Amino acid sequence: MTAVWHGRIYGSTDSGPLALDARTGDDLPAAPGIAPYAVNEYVGLALKGTDAMAYPAVE
């Protein structure tokens, strides 16, 4: 687990990033593309190597 925001749990696996429904634990249908370590309604922050990268939040 890397972050939680509005009922979504973000994390990373060997197969890539994923998002889960916090209530059911089910995979969400769309892969998030990144596993943010901080997220809000505007941006998700993730590490790329040793650099912090900001990605726009989309719903």
C-alpha atoms as a PDB file:
ATOM      1  CA  MET A   1       0.000   0.000   0.000  1.00  0.00           C
ATOM      2  CA  THR A   2       1.346   3.403  -0.937  1.00  0.00           C
ATOM      3  CA  ALA A   3      -1.657   5.725  -0.419  1.00  0.00           C
ATOM      4  CA  VAL A   4      -5.385   5.857   0.334  1.00  0.00           C
ATOM      5  CA  TRP A   5      -7.778   8.466  -1.049  1.00  0.00           C
ATOM      6  CA  HIS A   6     -11.597   8.584  -1.205  1.00  0.00           C
ATOM      7  CA  GLY A   7     -12.170   4.871  -0.897  1.00  0.00           C
ATOM      8  CA  ARG A   8      -9.283   3.806  -3.105  1.00  0.00           C
ATOM      9  CA  ILE A   9      -6.189   1.982  -1.943  1.00  0.00           C
ATOM     10  CA  TYR A  10      -3.155   2.436  -4.172  1.00  0.00           C
ATOM     11  CA  GLY A  11      -0.238   0.056  -4.214  1.00  0.00           C
ATOM     12  CA  SER A  12       2.445  -1.537  -6.293  1.00  0.00           C
ATOM     13  CA  THR A  13       3.136  -5.160  -7.222  1.00  0.00           C
ATOM     14  CA  ASP A  14       5.711  -6.926  -9.375  1.00  0.00           C
ATOM     15  CA  SER A  15       3.143  -6.632 -12.191  1.00  0.00           C
ATOM     16  CA  GLY A  16       2.773  -2.852 -11.768  1.00  0.00           C
ATOM     17  CA  PRO A  17       0.576  -0.371  -9.897  1.00  0.00           C
ATOM     18  CA  LEU A  18      -2.975  -1.177  -8.854  1.00  0.00           C
ATOM     19  CA  ALA A  19      -5.963   0.389  -7.152  1.00  0.00           C
ATOM     20  CA  LEU A  20      -8.414  -1.417  -4.886  1.00  0.00           C
ATOM     21  CA  ASP A  21     -11.841  -0.552  -3.536  1.00  0.00           C
ATOM     22  CA  ALA A  22     -11.247   0.111   0.178  1.00  0.00           C
ATOM     23  CA  ARG A  23     -14.588  -1.422   1.253  1.00  0.00           C
ATOM     24  CA  THR A  24     -14.504  -4.649  -0.748  1.00  0.00           C
ATOM     25  CA  GLY A  25     -10.818  -5.140  -1.574  1.00  0.00           C
ATOM     26  CA  ASP A  26     -11.753  -5.714  -5.224  1.00  0.00           C
ATOM     27  CA  ASP A  27      -9.509  -4.469  -8.022  1.00  0.00           C
ATOM     28  CA  LEU A  28     -10.805  -1.307  -9.650  1.00  0.00           C
ATOM     29  CA  PRO A  29     -11.427  -1.715 -13.384  1.00  0.00           C
ATOM     30  CA  ALA A  30      -8.868   0.860 -14.571  1.00  0.00           C
ATOM     31  CA  ALA A  31      -5.204   0.555 -13.584  1.00  0.00           C
ATOM     32  CA  PRO A  32      -3.971   3.824 -12.055  1.00  0.00           C
ATOM     33  CA  GLY A  33      -0.747   4.018 -14.090  1.00  0.00           C
ATOM     34  CA  ILE A  34       1.254   4.969 -10.968  1.00  0.00           C
ATOM     35  CA  ALA A  35       1.304   4.005  -7.300  1.00  0.00           C
ATOM     36  CA  PRO A  36       1.206   7.427  -5.624  1.00  0.00           C
ATOM     37  CA  TYR A  37       2.624   7.858  -2.129  1.00  0.00           C
ATOM     38  CA  ALA A  38       0.589  11.052  -1.654  1.00  0.00           C
ATOM     39  CA  VAL A  39      -2.631  11.964  -3.445  1.00  0.00           C
ATOM     40  CA  ASN A  40      -5.367  14.588  -3.273  1.00  0.00           C
ATOM     41  CA  GLU A  41      -8.047  15.907  -5.613  1.00  0.00           C
ATOM     42  CA  TYR A  42      -5.447  17.657  -7.791  1.00  0.00           C
ATOM     43  CA  VAL A  43      -2.296  15.566  -7.972  1.00  0.00           C
ATOM     44  CA  GLY A  44      -0.679  12.224  -7.205  1.00  0.00           C
ATOM     45  CA  LEU A  45       2.980  12.144  -6.174  1.00  0.00           C
ATOM     46  CA  ALA A  46       5.094   9.131  -7.077  1.00  0.00           C
ATOM     47  CA  LEU A  47       8.765   8.255  -7.162  1.00  0.00           C
ATOM     48  CA  LYS A  48      10.564   7.664 -10.440  1.00  0.00           C
ATOM     49  CA  GLY A  49      13.995   6.484  -9.392  1.00  0.00           C
ATOM     50  CA  THR A  50      15.030   9.095  -6.853  1.00  0.00           C
ATOM     51  CA  ASP A  51      12.918  11.887  -8.353  1.00  0.00           C
ATOM     52  CA  ALA A  52       9.487  12.871  -7.059  1.00  0.00           C
ATOM     53  CA  MET A  53       7.036  13.210  -9.944  1.00  0.00           C
ATOM     54  CA  ALA A  54       3.631  14.958  -9.899  1.00  0.00           C
ATOM     55  CA  TYR A  55       0.786  13.495 -11.961  1.00  0.00           C
ATOM     56  CA  PRO A  56      -2.582  15.208 -12.470  1.00  0.00           C
ATOM     57  CA  ALA A  57      -5.449  13.475 -10.706  1.00  0.00           C
ATOM     58  CA  VAL A  58      -8.268  12.280 -12.956  1.00  0.00           C
ATOM     59  CA  GLU A  59     -11.532  10.678 -11.977  1.00  0.00           C
END
